[in-house]
Amino acid sequence: VSRHLLDSLSVMPFIENGRWLDVGSGGGMPGIPLAILFPESQVTCLDSNGKKTRFLTQVKLELKQDNLQVIHSRVEEFRPEQAFNG
């Protein structure tokens, strides 16, 4: 877990607050750590696996991360209403 967390945080020097999309979010890396560390950002975790998106939704609720959105969809079918910064 710590290796994945460190990998997730390695992008921190290169990003600022904004709208971020984590495609194939799986267990939530890097989406969840980035949502916690950048509370002014909007982070969207996208995954096609319903079991994973249910887990991510539970994490969002337990951590009270209002800046985190979880989408159950294939990336090819995802049509965001607004553009993402990355």
C-alpha atoms as a PDB file:
ATOM      1  CA  VAL A   1       0.000   0.000   0.000  1.00  0.00           C
ATOM      2  CA  SER A   2       2.740   2.493   0.899  1.00  0.00           C
ATOM      3  CA  ARG A   3       4.422   2.059  -2.486  1.00  0.00           C
ATOM      4  CA  HIS A   4       1.143   2.805  -4.284  1.00  0.00           C
ATOM      5  CA  LEU A   5       0.521   5.804  -2.055  1.00  0.00           C
ATOM      6  CA  LEU A   6       3.989   7.195  -2.727  1.00  0.00           C
ATOM      7  CA  ASP A   7       3.504   6.634  -6.465  1.00  0.00           C
ATOM      8  CA  SER A   8       0.197   8.510  -6.257  1.00  0.00           C
ATOM      9  CA  LEU A   9       1.756  11.446  -4.454  1.00  0.00           C
ATOM     10  CA  SER A  10       4.688  11.717  -6.856  1.00  0.00           C
ATOM     11  CA  VAL A  11       2.567  13.923  -9.159  1.00  0.00           C
ATOM     12  CA  MET A  12       1.960  16.558  -6.467  1.00  0.00           C
ATOM     13  CA  PRO A  13       4.727  18.982  -7.537  1.00  0.00           C
ATOM     14  CA  PHE A  14       3.266  19.105 -11.038  1.00  0.00           C
ATOM     15  CA  ILE A  15      -0.401  19.802 -10.352  1.00  0.00           C
ATOM     16  CA  GLU A  16      -2.505  22.593  -8.915  1.00  0.00           C
ATOM     17  CA  ASN A  17      -6.137  22.879  -7.889  1.00  0.00           C
ATOM     18  CA  GLY A  18      -8.500  22.022 -10.720  1.00  0.00           C
ATOM     19  CA  ARG A  19     -10.661  19.244 -12.122  1.00  0.00           C
ATOM     20  CA  TRP A  20      -8.875  15.885 -12.271  1.00  0.00           C
ATOM     21  CA  LEU A  21      -9.933  12.570 -13.787  1.00  0.00           C
ATOM     22  CA  ASP A  22      -8.579   9.242 -12.518  1.00  0.00           C
ATOM     23  CA  VAL A  23      -9.311   6.759 -15.337  1.00  0.00           C
ATOM     24  CA  GLY A  24      -9.389   3.110 -14.272  1.00  0.00           C
ATOM     25  CA  SER A  25      -9.360   4.173 -10.652  1.00  0.00           C
ATOM     26  CA  GLY A  26      -9.537   0.655  -9.218  1.00  0.00           C
ATOM     27  CA  GLY A  27      -8.716   0.945  -5.517  1.00  0.00           C
ATOM     28  CA  GLY A  28      -8.646   4.735  -5.675  1.00  0.00           C
ATOM     29  CA  MET A  29      -5.001   5.498  -6.337  1.00  0.00           C
ATOM     30  CA  PRO A  30      -4.198   8.311  -7.094  1.00  0.00           C
ATOM     31  CA  GLY A  31      -7.716   9.794  -7.009  1.00  0.00           C
ATOM     32  CA  ILE A  32      -8.477   9.487  -3.293  1.00  0.00           C
ATOM     33  CA  PRO A  33      -5.117  10.770  -1.979  1.00  0.00           C
ATOM     34  CA  LEU A  34      -5.274  13.705  -4.410  1.00  0.00           C
ATOM     35  CA  ALA A  35      -8.830  14.553  -3.322  1.00  0.00           C
ATOM     36  CA  ILE A  36      -7.660  14.596   0.302  1.00  0.00           C
ATOM     37  CA  LEU A  37      -4.548  16.686  -0.361  1.00  0.00           C
ATOM     38  CA  PHE A  38      -6.240  19.116  -2.765  1.00  0.00           C
ATOM     39  CA  PRO A  39      -9.617  19.881  -1.122  1.00  0.00           C
ATOM     40  CA  GLU A  40     -10.217  22.803  -3.510  1.00  0.00           C
ATOM     41  CA  SER A  41      -9.965  20.448  -6.507  1.00  0.00           C
ATOM     42  CA  GLN A  42     -12.700  18.285  -7.990  1.00  0.00           C
ATOM     43  CA  VAL A  43     -11.477  14.700  -8.458  1.00  0.00           C
ATOM     44  CA  THR A  44     -13.458  12.175 -10.494  1.00  0.00           C
ATOM     45  CA  CYS A  45     -12.679   8.467 -10.171  1.00  0.00           C
ATOM     46  CA  LEU A  46     -13.849   6.529 -13.221  1.00  0.00           C
ATOM     47  CA  ASP A  47     -13.966   2.731 -13.362  1.00  0.00           C
ATOM     48  CA  SER A  48     -15.978   0.178 -15.331  1.00  0.00           C
ATOM     49  CA  ASN A  49     -16.003  -2.364 -12.478  1.00  0.00           C
ATOM     50  CA  GLY A  50     -19.101  -1.957 -10.311  1.00  0.00           C
ATOM     51  CA  LYS A  51     -17.495  -3.626  -7.297  1.00  0.00           C
ATOM     52  CA  LYS A  52     -14.648  -1.102  -7.394  1.00  0.00           C
ATOM     53  CA  THR A  53     -16.933   1.904  -7.814  1.00  0.00           C
ATOM     54  CA  ARG A  54     -19.081   0.743  -4.882  1.00  0.00           C
ATOM     55  CA  PHE A  55     -15.914   0.529  -2.777  1.00  0.00           C
ATOM     56  CA  LEU A  56     -14.832   4.009  -3.900  1.00  0.00           C
ATOM     57  CA  THR A  57     -18.278   5.404  -3.087  1.00  0.00           C
ATOM     58  CA  GLN A  58     -18.063   3.925   0.413  1.00  0.00           C
ATOM     59  CA  VAL A  59     -14.597   5.453   0.903  1.00  0.00           C
ATOM     60  CA  LYS A  60     -15.909   8.822  -0.295  1.00  0.00           C
ATOM     61  CA  LEU A  61     -18.766   8.688   2.226  1.00  0.00           C
ATOM     62  CA  GLU A  62     -16.617   7.557   5.146  1.00  0.00           C
ATOM     63  CA  LEU A  63     -13.935  10.177   4.476  1.00  0.00           C
ATOM     64  CA  LYS A  64     -16.559  12.863   3.751  1.00  0.00           C
ATOM     65  CA  GLN A  65     -14.783  13.840   0.534  1.00  0.00           C
ATOM     66  CA  ASP A  66     -17.286  16.183  -1.106  1.00  0.00           C
ATOM     67  CA  ASN A  67     -14.729  17.002  -3.798  1.00  0.00           C
ATOM     68  CA  LEU A  68     -14.624  13.367  -4.960  1.00  0.00           C
ATOM     69  CA  GLN A  69     -16.997  12.011  -7.591  1.00  0.00           C
ATOM     70  CA  VAL A  70     -17.226   8.314  -8.463  1.00  0.00           C
ATOM     71  CA  ILE A  71     -18.452   7.288 -11.914  1.00  0.00           C
ATOM     72  CA  HIS A  72     -19.251   3.701 -12.955  1.00  0.00           C
ATOM     73  CA  SER A  73     -18.619   3.735 -16.704  1.00  0.00           C
ATOM     74  CA  ARG A  74     -16.232   2.677 -19.410  1.00  0.00           C
ATOM     75  CA  VAL A  75     -13.983   5.536 -20.469  1.00  0.00           C
ATOM     76  CA  GLU A  76     -15.144   5.126 -24.079  1.00  0.00           C
ATOM     77  CA  GLU A  77     -18.726   5.824 -22.983  1.00  0.00           C
ATOM     78  CA  PHE A  78     -17.997   8.591 -20.469  1.00  0.00           C
ATOM     79  CA  ARG A  79     -19.206  12.029 -21.574  1.00  0.00           C
ATOM     80  CA  PRO A  80     -18.195  14.655 -19.012  1.00  0.00           C
ATOM     81  CA  GLU A  81     -20.217  17.850 -18.758  1.00  0.00           C
ATOM     82  CA  GLN A  82     -17.062  19.921 -18.191  1.00  0.00           C
ATOM     83  CA  ALA A  83     -13.449  19.587 -19.295  1.00  0.00           C
ATOM     84  CA  PHE A  84     -10.761  18.257 -16.970  1.00  0.00           C
ATOM     85  CA  ASN A  85      -7.335  19.757 -16.280  1.00  0.00           C
ATOM     86  CA  GLY A  86      -5.784  16.318 -16.378  1.00  0.00           C
END
